[in-house]
C-alpha atoms as a PDB file:
ATOM      1  CA  MET A   1      11.361  24.971  -0.477  1.00  0.00           C
ATOM      2  CA  GLU A   2       9.172  21.821  -0.720  1.00  0.00           C
ATOM      3  CA  LEU A   3       9.776  19.429  -3.561  1.00  0.00           C
ATOM      4  CA  THR A   4       6.943  17.913  -5.451  1.00  0.00           C
ATOM      5  CA  SER A   5       7.173  14.240  -6.275  1.00  0.00           C
ATOM      6  CA  GLU A   6       7.782  15.122  -9.946  1.00  0.00           C
ATOM      7  CA  GLU A   7      10.684  17.388  -8.933  1.00  0.00           C
ATOM      8  CA  VAL A   8      12.145  14.640  -6.823  1.00  0.00           C
ATOM      9  CA  LEU A   9      12.121  12.300  -9.794  1.00  0.00           C
ATOM     10  CA  ASN A  10      13.653  14.980 -12.036  1.00  0.00           C
ATOM     11  CA  ARG A  11      16.464  15.711  -9.530  1.00  0.00           C
ATOM     12  CA  LEU A  12      17.387  12.077  -9.463  1.00  0.00           C
ATOM     13  CA  ASN A  13      18.301  12.554 -13.157  1.00  0.00           C
ATOM     14  CA  GLN A  14      17.940   8.905 -13.961  1.00  0.00           C
ATOM     15  CA  ARG A  15      15.484   6.410 -15.302  1.00  0.00           C
ATOM     16  CA  GLY A  16      12.993   4.807 -12.974  1.00  0.00           C
ATOM     17  CA  PHE A  17      15.314   1.879 -12.484  1.00  0.00           C
ATOM     18  CA  ILE A  18      18.983   1.046 -12.890  1.00  0.00           C
ATOM     19  CA  ASP A  19      19.441   0.559 -16.612  1.00  0.00           C
ATOM     20  CA  LYS A  20      22.216  -2.009 -16.472  1.00  0.00           C
ATOM     21  CA  ASP A  21      22.457  -5.673 -17.359  1.00  0.00           C
ATOM     22  CA  VAL A  22      22.395  -8.267 -14.663  1.00  0.00           C
ATOM     23  CA  PRO A  23      25.542 -10.438 -14.881  1.00  0.00           C
ATOM     24  CA  LYS A  24      24.902 -13.784 -16.628  1.00  0.00           C
ATOM     25  CA  ASP A  25      24.570 -16.954 -14.574  1.00  0.00           C
ATOM     26  CA  ILE A  26      24.274 -15.002 -11.371  1.00  0.00           C
ATOM     27  CA  ASP A  27      22.370 -16.466  -8.404  1.00  0.00           C
ATOM     28  CA  LEU A  28      20.118 -13.482  -7.757  1.00  0.00           C
ATOM     29  CA  VAL A  29      18.839 -14.732  -4.407  1.00  0.00           C
ATOM     30  CA  ALA A  30      22.326 -15.436  -3.071  1.00  0.00           C
ATOM     31  CA  GLU A  31      23.601 -12.124  -4.314  1.00  0.00           C
ATOM     32  CA  ILE A  32      20.741 -10.172  -2.717  1.00  0.00           C
ATOM     33  CA  LYS A  33      21.379 -11.905   0.587  1.00  0.00           C
ATOM     34  CA  ARG A  34      25.091 -11.088   0.285  1.00  0.00           C
ATOM     35  CA  LEU A  35      24.319  -7.440  -0.462  1.00  0.00           C
ATOM     36  CA  LYS A  36      21.957  -7.199   2.516  1.00  0.00           C
ATOM     37  CA  LYS A  37      24.797  -8.270   4.836  1.00  0.00           C
ATOM     38  CA  GLU A  38      27.572  -6.314   3.052  1.00  0.00           C
ATOM     39  CA  LYS A  39      25.596  -3.031   2.954  1.00  0.00           C
ATOM     40  CA  ASN A  40      23.847  -3.356   6.306  1.00  0.00           C
ATOM     41  CA  ALA A  41      20.476  -3.248   4.603  1.00  0.00           C
ATOM     42  CA  VAL A  42      16.984  -4.606   5.260  1.00  0.00           C
ATOM     43  CA  ILE A  43      14.254  -5.379   2.773  1.00  0.00           C
ATOM     44  CA  LEU A  44      10.720  -4.317   3.515  1.00  0.00           C
ATOM     45  CA  ALA A  45       8.222  -5.899   1.145  1.00  0.00           C
ATOM     46  CA  HIS A  46       4.432  -5.601   0.682  1.00  0.00           C
ATOM     47  CA  TYR A  47       2.213  -8.692   0.326  1.00  0.00           C
ATOM     48  CA  TYR A  48       1.464  -7.611  -3.244  1.00  0.00           C
ATOM     49  CA  GLN A  49       5.036  -8.185  -4.402  1.00  0.00           C
ATOM     50  CA  GLU A  50       6.146 -11.191  -6.493  1.00  0.00           C
ATOM     51  CA  ALA A  51       6.528 -14.379  -4.465  1.00  0.00           C
ATOM     52  CA  GLU A  52      10.379 -14.437  -4.877  1.00  0.00           C
ATOM     53  CA  ILE A  53      10.612 -10.928  -3.378  1.00  0.00           C
ATOM     54  CA  GLN A  54       8.286 -11.740  -0.493  1.00  0.00           C
ATOM     55  CA  ASP A  55      10.513 -14.720   0.368  1.00  0.00           C
ATOM     56  CA  LEU A  56      13.543 -12.425   0.608  1.00  0.00           C
ATOM     57  CA  ALA A  57      11.911  -9.844   2.845  1.00  0.00           C
ATOM     58  CA  ASP A  58      13.135  -9.129   6.372  1.00  0.00           C
ATOM     59  CA  TYR A  59       9.745  -7.488   7.022  1.00  0.00           C
ATOM     60  CA  LEU A  60       6.700  -8.590   5.039  1.00  0.00           C
ATOM     61  CA  GLY A  61       3.311  -6.972   5.689  1.00  0.00           C
ATOM     62  CA  ASP A  62       0.702  -4.430   4.852  1.00  0.00           C
ATOM     63  CA  SER A  63       1.119  -0.624   4.892  1.00  0.00           C
ATOM     64  CA  LEU A  64       0.664  -0.238   8.668  1.00  0.00           C
ATOM     65  CA  TYR A  65       3.057  -3.009   9.591  1.00  0.00           C
ATOM     66  CA  LEU A  66       5.698  -1.796   7.167  1.00  0.00           C
ATOM     67  CA  ALA A  67       5.386   1.782   8.459  1.00  0.00           C
ATOM     68  CA  GLN A  68       5.877   0.455  12.013  1.00  0.00           C
ATOM     69  CA  ALA A  69       8.831  -1.590  10.886  1.00  0.00           C
ATOM     70  CA  ALA A  70      10.415   1.339   9.040  1.00  0.00           C
ATOM     71  CA  GLU A  71      10.289   3.429  12.219  1.00  0.00           C
ATOM     72  CA  LYS A  72      12.366   0.863  14.137  1.00  0.00           C
ATOM     73  CA  VAL A  73      14.900  -0.093  11.451  1.00  0.00           C
ATOM     74  CA  ALA A  74      18.482   0.154  12.768  1.00  0.00           C
ATOM     75  CA  ALA A  75      20.178  -0.861   9.502  1.00  0.00           C
ATOM     76  CA  GLU A  76      21.825   1.824   7.413  1.00  0.00           C
ATOM     77  CA  MET A  77      19.740   1.165   4.306  1.00  0.00           C
ATOM     78  CA  ILE A  78      16.068   0.389   3.729  1.00  0.00           C
ATOM     79  CA  VAL A  79      15.231  -1.381   0.494  1.00  0.00           C
ATOM     80  CA  PHE A  80      11.546  -0.958  -0.044  1.00  0.00           C
ATOM     81  CA  ALA A  81       9.936  -3.532  -2.318  1.00  0.00           C
ATOM     82  CA  GLY A  82       6.605  -1.836  -2.757  1.00  0.00           C
ATOM     83  CA  VAL A  83       5.355   1.322  -4.399  1.00  0.00           C
ATOM     84  CA  HIS A  84       6.603   4.902  -4.285  1.00  0.00           C
ATOM     85  CA  PHE A  85       4.398   6.303  -1.541  1.00  0.00           C
ATOM     86  CA  MET A  86       5.478   3.422   0.758  1.00  0.00           C
ATOM     87  CA  ALA A  87       9.117   4.146   0.252  1.00  0.00           C
ATOM     88  CA  GLU A  88       8.431   7.851   0.853  1.00  0.00           C
ATOM     89  CA  THR A  89       6.696   6.975   4.091  1.00  0.00           C
ATOM     90  CA  ALA A  90       9.713   5.029   5.251  1.00  0.00           C
ATOM     91  CA  LYS A  91      11.981   8.031   4.477  1.00  0.00           C
ATOM     92  CA  ILE A  92       9.634  10.394   6.314  1.00  0.00           C
ATOM     93  CA  ILE A  93       9.470   8.126   9.391  1.00  0.00           C
ATOM     94  CA  ASN A  94      13.204   7.345   9.455  1.00  0.00           C
ATOM     95  CA  PRO A  95      14.934  10.207   7.579  1.00  0.00           C
ATOM     96  CA  SER A  96      18.467   9.338   8.662  1.00  0.00           C
ATOM     97  CA  LYS A  97      18.361   6.111   6.630  1.00  0.00           C
ATOM     98  CA  LYS A  98      19.006   5.738   2.962  1.00  0.00           C
ATOM     99  CA  VAL A  99      15.818   4.454   1.339  1.00  0.00           C
ATOM    100  CA  ILE A 100      15.897   2.892  -2.119  1.00  0.00           C
ATOM    101  CA  LEU A 101      13.173   1.506  -4.356  1.00  0.00           C
ATOM    102  CA  PRO A 102      13.820  -1.070  -7.157  1.00  0.00           C
ATOM    103  CA  ASP A 103      11.716   0.955  -9.648  1.00  0.00           C
ATOM    104  CA  LEU A 104      10.645   4.590  -9.154  1.00  0.00           C
ATOM    105  CA  ASN A 105       7.916   4.038 -11.720  1.00  0.00           C
ATOM    106  CA  ALA A 106       6.207   1.803  -9.171  1.00  0.00           C
ATOM    107  CA  GLY A 107       3.503   4.372  -8.385  1.00  0.00           C
ATOM    108  CA  CYS A 108      -0.094   4.139  -7.260  1.00  0.00           C
ATOM    109  CA  SER A 109      -3.241   5.025  -9.168  1.00  0.00           C
ATOM    110  CA  LEU A 110      -4.894   6.096  -5.895  1.00  0.00           C
ATOM    111  CA  ALA A 111      -2.018   8.402  -4.941  1.00  0.00           C
ATOM    112  CA  ASP A 112      -2.042   9.826  -8.520  1.00  0.00           C
ATOM    113  CA  SER A 113      -5.753  10.670  -8.182  1.00  0.00           C
ATOM    114  CA  CYS A 114      -4.988  13.301  -5.574  1.00  0.00           C
ATOM    115  CA  LEU A 115      -2.648  16.092  -6.629  1.00  0.00           C
ATOM    116  CA  PRO A 116      -1.378  18.490  -3.962  1.00  0.00           C
ATOM    117  CA  VAL A 117      -2.405  21.718  -5.709  1.00  0.00           C
ATOM    118  CA  ASP A 118      -6.005  20.454  -6.184  1.00  0.00           C
ATOM    119  CA  PHE A 119      -6.210  18.960  -2.707  1.00  0.00           C
ATOM    120  CA  LYS A 120      -5.101  22.213  -1.113  1.00  0.00           C
ATOM    121  CA  LYS A 121      -7.890  24.056  -2.845  1.00  0.00           C
ATOM    122  CA  PHE A 122     -10.334  21.364  -1.779  1.00  0.00           C
ATOM    123  CA  ILE A 123      -9.427  21.404   1.942  1.00  0.00           C
ATOM    124  CA  ASP A 124      -9.354  25.239   2.031  1.00  0.00           C
ATOM    125  CA  GLN A 125     -13.102  25.142   1.456  1.00  0.00           C
ATOM    126  CA  TYR A 126     -13.546  23.567   4.869  1.00  0.00           C
ATOM    127  CA  PRO A 127     -11.521  25.604   7.455  1.00  0.00           C
ATOM    128  CA  GLY A 128     -11.041  23.855  10.728  1.00  0.00           C
ATOM    129  CA  ALA A 129     -11.776  20.367   9.311  1.00  0.00           C
ATOM    130  CA  HIS A 130      -9.776  17.332  10.371  1.00  0.00           C
ATOM    131  CA  VAL A 131      -7.971  16.063   7.272  1.00  0.00           C
ATOM    132  CA  VAL A 132      -7.664  12.348   7.445  1.00  0.00           C
ATOM    133  CA  THR A 133      -5.671  10.811   4.564  1.00  0.00           C
ATOM    134  CA  TYR A 134      -5.236   7.196   3.624  1.00  0.00           C
ATOM    135  CA  ILE A 135      -1.551   6.291   3.578  1.00  0.00           C
ATOM    136  CA  ASN A 136      -1.832   5.593  -0.135  1.00  0.00           C
ATOM    137  CA  CYS A 137      -0.937   9.199  -1.028  1.00  0.00           C
ATOM    138  CA  SER A 138       2.117  11.295  -1.735  1.00  0.00           C
ATOM    139  CA  ALA A 139       4.325  12.985   0.829  1.00  0.00           C
ATOM    140  CA  GLU A 140       2.864  16.344  -0.217  1.00  0.00           C
ATOM    141  CA  ILE A 141      -0.669  15.166   0.587  1.00  0.00           C
ATOM    142  CA  LYS A 142       0.437  13.768   3.914  1.00  0.00           C
ATOM    143  CA  ALA A 143       2.003  17.169   4.740  1.00  0.00           C
ATOM    144  CA  LEU A 144      -1.485  18.727   4.279  1.00  0.00           C
ATOM    145  CA  SER A 145      -3.090  16.249   6.611  1.00  0.00           C
ATOM    146  CA  THR A 146      -4.125  16.198  10.286  1.00  0.00           C
ATOM    147  CA  ILE A 147      -3.583  12.461  10.607  1.00  0.00           C
ATOM    148  CA  VAL A 148      -2.814   9.541   8.330  1.00  0.00           C
ATOM    149  CA  CYS A 149      -4.507   6.110   8.436  1.00  0.00           C
ATOM    150  CA  THR A 150      -4.254   2.694   6.830  1.00  0.00           C
ATOM    151  CA  SER A 151      -7.056   0.266   6.126  1.00  0.00           C
ATOM    152  CA  SER A 152      -5.957  -1.602   9.293  1.00  0.00           C
ATOM    153  CA  ASN A 153      -6.532   1.302  11.662  1.00  0.00           C
ATOM    154  CA  ALA A 154      -8.858   3.648   9.776  1.00  0.00           C
ATOM    155  CA  VAL A 155     -11.866   3.020  11.999  1.00  0.00           C
ATOM    156  CA  ARG A 156      -9.715   3.621  15.091  1.00  0.00           C
ATOM    157  CA  VAL A 157      -8.498   6.866  13.649  1.00  0.00           C
ATOM    158  CA  ILE A 158     -11.926   8.157  12.772  1.00  0.00           C
ATOM    159  CA  ASP A 159     -13.280   7.178  16.178  1.00  0.00           C
ATOM    160  CA  ALA A 160     -10.459   9.163  17.837  1.00  0.00           C
ATOM    161  CA  ILE A 161     -11.791  12.425  16.349  1.00  0.00           C
ATOM    162  CA  PRO A 162     -14.364  14.158  18.632  1.00  0.00           C
ATOM    163  CA  GLU A 163     -17.993  13.830  17.667  1.00  0.00           C
ATOM    164  CA  GLY A 164     -19.458  16.797  15.780  1.00  0.00           C
ATOM    165  CA  GLU A 165     -16.091  17.775  14.236  1.00  0.00           C
ATOM    166  CA  THR A 166     -15.867  18.164  10.432  1.00  0.00           C
ATOM    167  CA  ILE A 167     -13.844  15.403   8.763  1.00  0.00           C
ATOM    168  CA  ILE A 168     -12.363  15.326   5.278  1.00  0.00           C
ATOM    169  CA  PHE A 169     -11.270  11.896   4.099  1.00  0.00           C
ATOM    170  CA  ALA A 170      -9.004  11.356   1.104  1.00  0.00           C
ATOM    171  CA  PRO A 171      -8.110  10.044  -1.393  1.00  0.00           C
ATOM    172  CA  ASP A 172     -10.131   6.826  -1.546  1.00  0.00           C
ATOM    173  CA  LYS A 173     -13.889   7.398  -1.823  1.00  0.00           C
ATOM    174  CA  ASN A 174     -14.679   3.680  -1.584  1.00  0.00           C
ATOM    175  CA  LEU A 175     -12.803   3.279   1.713  1.00  0.00           C
ATOM    176  CA  GLY A 176     -14.369   6.516   2.824  1.00  0.00           C
ATOM    177  CA  ARG A 177     -17.890   5.247   2.156  1.00  0.00           C
ATOM    178  CA  TYR A 178     -17.073   2.062   4.040  1.00  0.00           C
ATOM    179  CA  LEU A 179     -15.800   4.141   7.008  1.00  0.00           C
ATOM    180  CA  ILE A 180     -18.943   6.239   7.039  1.00  0.00           C
ATOM    181  CA  ARG A 181     -20.990   3.049   7.265  1.00  0.00           C
ATOM    182  CA  GLU A 182     -18.786   1.559   9.977  1.00  0.00           C
ATOM    183  CA  THR A 183     -18.311   4.623  12.186  1.00  0.00           C
ATOM    184  CA  GLY A 184     -21.596   6.447  11.623  1.00  0.00           C
ATOM    185  CA  ARG A 185     -19.606   9.616  11.049  1.00  0.00           C
ATOM    186  CA  ASP A 186     -20.436  12.069   8.255  1.00  0.00           C
ATOM    187  CA  MET A 187     -17.305  12.817   6.200  1.00  0.00           C
ATOM    188  CA  ILE A 188     -16.438  14.866   3.118  1.00  0.00           C
ATOM    189  CA  LEU A 189     -14.847  12.557   0.580  1.00  0.00           C
ATOM    190  CA  TRP A 190     -12.252  13.254  -2.082  1.00  0.00           C
ATOM    191  CA  ASP A 191     -13.134  11.611  -5.362  1.00  0.00           C
ATOM    192  CA  GLY A 192     -10.315   9.115  -5.709  1.00  0.00           C
ATOM    193  CA  SER A 193     -10.057   5.386  -6.138  1.00  0.00           C
ATOM    194  CA  CYS A 194      -7.730   2.421  -6.778  1.00  0.00           C
ATOM    195  CA  ILE A 195      -7.988   1.006 -10.303  1.00  0.00           C
ATOM    196  CA  VAL A 196      -7.110  -2.461  -8.945  1.00  0.00           C
ATOM    197  CA  HIS A 197      -9.960  -2.614  -6.420  1.00  0.00           C
ATOM    198  CA  GLU A 198     -12.437  -0.919  -8.698  1.00  0.00           C
ATOM    199  CA  ALA A 199     -11.887  -3.518 -11.429  1.00  0.00           C
ATOM    200  CA  PHE A 200     -13.706  -6.313  -9.608  1.00  0.00           C
ATOM    201  CA  SER A 201     -16.868  -7.428 -11.453  1.00  0.00           C
ATOM    202  CA  PHE A 202     -19.918  -7.695  -9.152  1.00  0.00           C
ATOM    203  CA  GLU A 203     -21.776  -9.928 -11.606  1.00  0.00           C
ATOM    204  CA  ARG A 204     -18.852 -12.304 -12.116  1.00  0.00           C
ATOM    205  CA  ILE A 205     -18.237 -12.478  -8.377  1.00  0.00           C
ATOM    206  CA  VAL A 206     -21.830 -13.479  -7.817  1.00  0.00           C
ATOM    207  CA  ASN A 207     -21.608 -16.150 -10.526  1.00  0.00           C
ATOM    208  CA  LEU A 208     -18.323 -17.439  -9.109  1.00  0.00           C
ATOM    209  CA  ALA A 209     -19.873 -17.718  -5.638  1.00  0.00           C
ATOM    210  CA  LYS A 210     -22.641 -19.844  -7.118  1.00  0.00           C
ATOM    211  CA  GLU A 211     -20.027 -22.205  -8.608  1.00  0.00           C
ATOM    212  CA  HIS A 212     -18.374 -22.437  -5.172  1.00  0.00           C
ATOM    213  CA  PRO A 213     -21.227 -22.436  -2.695  1.00  0.00           C
ATOM    214  CA  LYS A 214     -19.011 -23.438   0.228  1.00  0.00           C
ATOM    215  CA  ALA A 215     -16.556 -20.576  -0.431  1.00  0.00           C
ATOM    216  CA  LYS A 216     -16.583 -17.391   1.696  1.00  0.00           C
ATOM    217  CA  PHE A 217     -16.256 -14.140  -0.195  1.00  0.00           C
ATOM    218  CA  ILE A 218     -13.922 -11.685   1.484  1.00  0.00           C
ATOM    219  CA  ALA A 219     -12.914  -8.208   0.284  1.00  0.00           C
ATOM    220  CA  HIS A 220     -10.630  -5.204   0.858  1.00  0.00           C
ATOM    221  CA  PRO A 221     -12.538  -1.958   1.766  1.00  0.00           C
ATOM    222  CA  GLU A 222     -11.041  -0.170  -1.236  1.00  0.00           C
ATOM    223  CA  SER A 223     -13.514  -2.193  -3.378  1.00  0.00           C
ATOM    224  CA  GLU A 224     -16.750  -0.621  -4.603  1.00  0.00           C
ATOM    225  CA  SER A 225     -19.834  -0.596  -2.326  1.00  0.00           C
ATOM    226  CA  GLN A 226     -21.793  -3.222  -4.241  1.00  0.00           C
ATOM    227  CA  VAL A 227     -18.872  -5.637  -3.956  1.00  0.00           C
ATOM    228  CA  LEU A 228     -18.510  -4.963  -0.196  1.00  0.00           C
ATOM    229  CA  ASP A 229     -22.302  -5.479   0.248  1.00  0.00           C
ATOM    230  CA  VAL A 230     -21.974  -9.145  -0.612  1.00  0.00           C
ATOM    231  CA  ALA A 231     -18.763  -9.804   1.290  1.00  0.00           C
ATOM    232  CA  GLU A 232     -18.843 -12.041   4.334  1.00  0.00           C
ATOM    233  CA  TYR A 233     -15.742 -10.328   5.699  1.00  0.00           C
ATOM    234  CA  ILE A 234     -14.245  -6.908   4.876  1.00  0.00           C
ATOM    235  CA  GLY A 235     -10.765  -6.082   6.043  1.00  0.00           C
ATOM    236  CA  SER A 236      -7.300  -4.780   5.346  1.00  0.00           C
ATOM    237  CA  THR A 237      -4.700  -6.966   3.737  1.00  0.00           C
ATOM    238  CA  SER A 238      -3.460  -8.229   7.107  1.00  0.00           C
ATOM    239  CA  GLY A 239      -7.102  -8.503   8.259  1.00  0.00           C
ATOM    240  CA  LEU A 240      -7.971 -10.725   5.339  1.00  0.00           C
ATOM    241  CA  LEU A 241      -4.875 -12.856   6.004  1.00  0.00           C
ATOM    242  CA  LYS A 242      -5.833 -13.278   9.661  1.00  0.00           C
ATOM    243  CA  PHE A 243      -9.410 -14.104   8.772  1.00  0.00           C
ATOM    244  CA  VAL A 244      -8.573 -17.030   6.422  1.00  0.00           C
ATOM    245  CA  GLN A 245      -6.244 -18.467   9.089  1.00  0.00           C
ATOM    246  CA  GLU A 246      -8.884 -18.352  11.833  1.00  0.00           C
ATOM    247  CA  ASP A 247     -12.089 -19.131   9.966  1.00  0.00           C
ATOM    248  CA  ASP A 248     -13.352 -22.690   9.575  1.00  0.00           C
ATOM    249  CA  ALA A 249     -14.084 -22.354   5.865  1.00  0.00           C
ATOM    250  CA  GLN A 250     -11.847 -24.347   3.534  1.00  0.00           C
ATOM    251  CA  GLU A 251     -12.423 -22.176   0.416  1.00  0.00           C
ATOM    252  CA  PHE A 252     -12.309 -18.424  -0.047  1.00  0.00           C
ATOM    253  CA  ILE A 253     -12.939 -15.985  -2.889  1.00  0.00           C
ATOM    254  CA  VAL A 254     -10.610 -13.062  -2.295  1.00  0.00           C
ATOM    255  CA  ALA A 255     -11.198  -9.544  -3.607  1.00  0.00           C
ATOM    256  CA  THR A 256      -7.869  -7.711  -3.339  1.00  0.00           C
ATOM    257  CA  GLU A 257      -4.579  -7.700  -5.174  1.00  0.00           C
ATOM    258  CA  ALA A 258      -3.699 -11.329  -6.038  1.00  0.00           C
ATOM    259  CA  GLY A 259      -0.244 -11.165  -4.489  1.00  0.00           C
ATOM    260  CA  ILE A 260      -1.723 -11.845  -1.059  1.00  0.00           C
ATOM    261  CA  LEU A 261      -2.778 -15.287  -2.162  1.00  0.00           C
ATOM    262  CA  TYR A 262       0.800 -16.457  -2.010  1.00  0.00           C
ATOM    263  CA  GLU A 263       1.043 -15.780   1.727  1.00  0.00           C
ATOM    264  CA  MET A 264      -2.420 -17.155   2.338  1.00  0.00           C
ATOM    265  CA  LYS A 265      -1.384 -20.457   0.659  1.00  0.00           C
ATOM    266  CA  LYS A 266       1.808 -20.588   2.662  1.00  0.00           C
ATOM    267  CA  ARG A 267      -0.016 -20.146   5.968  1.00  0.00           C
ATOM    268  CA  CYS A 268      -3.010 -22.301   5.063  1.00  0.00           C
ATOM    269  CA  PRO A 269      -1.823 -24.924   2.550  1.00  0.00           C
ATOM    270  CA  GLU A 270      -4.852 -27.095   3.128  1.00  0.00           C
ATOM    271  CA  LYS A 271      -7.243 -24.386   2.053  1.00  0.00           C
ATOM    272  CA  THR A 272      -8.261 -23.071  -1.399  1.00  0.00           C
ATOM    273  CA  PHE A 273      -8.031 -19.424  -2.430  1.00  0.00           C
ATOM    274  CA  ILE A 274      -9.711 -18.114  -5.538  1.00  0.00           C
ATOM    275  CA  PRO A 275      -8.948 -14.598  -6.842  1.00  0.00           C
ATOM    276  CA  ALA A 276     -12.119 -12.563  -7.362  1.00  0.00           C
ATOM    277  CA  PRO A 277     -12.769 -11.917 -11.087  1.00  0.00           C
ATOM    278  CA  VAL A 278     -12.483  -8.547 -12.794  1.00  0.00           C
ATOM    279  CA  GLU A 279     -14.538  -6.958 -15.534  1.00  0.00           C
ATOM    280  CA  ASP A 280     -11.964  -7.989 -18.214  1.00  0.00           C
ATOM    281  CA  ASP A 281     -12.817 -11.621 -18.840  1.00  0.00           C
ATOM    282  CA  THR A 282      -9.360 -12.216 -20.313  1.00  0.00           C
ATOM    283  CA  CYS A 283      -7.839 -11.926 -16.832  1.00  0.00           C
ATOM    284  CA  ALA A 284      -8.052 -14.700 -14.296  1.00  0.00           C
ATOM    285  CA  CYS A 285      -7.183 -12.454 -11.390  1.00  0.00           C
ATOM    286  CA  ASN A 286      -6.402  -8.851 -10.457  1.00  0.00           C
ATOM    287  CA  GLU A 287      -2.781  -7.681 -10.131  1.00  0.00           C
ATOM    288  CA  CYS A 288      -1.369  -4.228  -9.557  1.00  0.00           C
ATOM    289  CA  ALA A 289       0.871  -3.451 -12.531  1.00  0.00           C
ATOM    290  CA  PHE A 290       2.747  -0.903 -10.392  1.00  0.00           C
ATOM    291  CA  MET A 291       3.556  -3.404  -7.648  1.00  0.00           C
ATOM    292  CA  LYS A 292       4.740  -5.893 -10.267  1.00  0.00           C
ATOM    293  CA  LEU A 293       7.197  -3.427 -11.762  1.00  0.00           C
ATOM    294  CA  ASN A 294       9.629  -4.505  -8.982  1.00  0.00           C
ATOM    295  CA  THR A 295      11.453  -7.687 -10.065  1.00  0.00           C
ATOM    296  CA  LEU A 296      14.212  -9.775  -8.563  1.00  0.00           C
ATOM    297  CA  GLU A 297      16.623  -8.323 -11.167  1.00  0.00           C
ATOM    298  CA  LYS A 298      15.736  -4.741 -10.289  1.00  0.00           C
ATOM    299  CA  LEU A 299      15.975  -5.545  -6.583  1.00  0.00           C
ATOM    300  CA  TYR A 300      19.503  -6.822  -7.081  1.00  0.00           C
ATOM    301  CA  LEU A 301      20.560  -3.800  -9.209  1.00  0.00           C
ATOM    302  CA  CYS A 302      19.087  -1.213  -6.808  1.00  0.00           C
ATOM    303  CA  MET A 303      21.021  -2.799  -3.914  1.00  0.00           C
ATOM    304  CA  GLU A 304      24.237  -3.120  -5.911  1.00  0.00           C
ATOM    305  CA  TYR A 305      24.187   0.547  -6.990  1.00  0.00           C
ATOM    306  CA  GLU A 306      22.047   1.931  -4.061  1.00  0.00           C
ATOM    307  CA  LYS A 307      19.713   3.648  -6.501  1.00  0.00           C
ATOM    308  CA  PRO A 308      17.015   4.838  -7.183  1.00  0.00           C
ATOM    309  CA  GLU A 309      17.005   6.698  -3.857  1.00  0.00           C
ATOM    310  CA  ILE A 310      14.037   8.416  -2.238  1.00  0.00           C
ATOM    311  CA  ILE A 311      15.020  12.100  -1.713  1.00  0.00           C
ATOM    312  CA  LEU A 312      12.735  14.527   0.119  1.00  0.00           C
ATOM    313  CA  SER A 313      13.403  17.976   1.475  1.00  0.00           C
ATOM    314  CA  GLU A 314      13.803  18.401   5.248  1.00  0.00           C
ATOM    315  CA  ASP A 315      10.830  20.720   5.369  1.00  0.00           C
ATOM    316  CA  LEU A 316       8.554  18.258   3.622  1.00  0.00           C
ATOM    317  CA  ILE A 317       9.740  15.417   5.837  1.00  0.00           C
ATOM    318  CA  LYS A 318       9.002  17.521   8.956  1.00  0.00           C
ATOM    319  CA  LYS A 319       5.492  18.442   7.807  1.00  0.00           C
ATOM    320  CA  ALA A 320       4.543  14.900   6.636  1.00  0.00           C
ATOM    321  CA  ASN A 321       6.035  13.208   9.672  1.00  0.00           C
ATOM    322  CA  LEU A 322       3.554  14.789  12.144  1.00  0.00           C
ATOM    323  CA  PRO A 323       0.328  13.188  10.813  1.00  0.00           C
ATOM    324  CA  ILE A 324       2.115   9.800  10.429  1.00  0.00           C
ATOM    325  CA  THR A 325       3.389  10.013  13.989  1.00  0.00           C
ATOM    326  CA  ARG A 326      -0.114  10.721  15.235  1.00  0.00           C
ATOM    327  CA  MET A 327      -1.293   7.568  13.509  1.00  0.00           C
ATOM    328  CA  LEU A 328       1.516   5.413  14.892  1.00  0.00           C
ATOM    329  CA  LYS A 329       0.798   6.597  18.410  1.00  0.00           C
ATOM    330  CA  LEU A 330      -2.758   5.178  18.047  1.00  0.00           C
ATOM    331  CA  GLY A 331      -1.254   1.770  17.354  1.00  0.00           C
END
């Protein structure tokens, strides 16, 4: 019997993170490095994590890169510093490994916008359709999919589907609209979105661009259409990172989660990176509260106690693995 994400959490019978005190005067960085060696573990971290966690990662990247890395991990334990669906993906790809996450409450508003029972009813209305799902979804949604994609390879995935075939794209409607524009394919979109990327203020971005006339405005395709319309470059997290390294501009306004700015500054210390403003004028930049639930302290505790662990049924892993494998074969 398949387990829903909620049942998985209930079966763990614990809080979202290890509720223990970190020893006083401990060198967290040194201890985490010690635990990696002692427990034969590797840390996979997303660019949206805190800077201290990014620096400790064995593999640092976007969703596609981390999925590719998880597939090849030889270590006994994968410590995933990211959000829940990412850790689930690692477990699906490499089920023999123990996968732990610093805080199980590190979810995703986009994944939460697409519940399996509702999505099943939705896709049943279109028999024979290719169901393409963005990797930002639960294991149960992946199990209902034909193929999974990331923002890095979404155009390639859509282009691989024969012309004239019906395509359902979920859960991100903004990415879906962008893909329709880029591929020229007509797709049926699920009505989901990321609260982080929908929070950008079009008006404030325009005003900021006027204040920095030499800055190039770049954006992640999960952003709303009007924001993408004024972007000089649209790309995945890794795409944005590559663009700022290769482009001649010295100043960039960046519309995605602010955690990527740390890596941008490391790779291009001579350039200036400005986080795109959001509707809430009390915030200087846009951060994912879920991503930031993972802390250095929680990372240490989860490695020390090897919990919380991602647990999925064999049947769910088998069903969800197929669409992910199809994606990985496309490169």
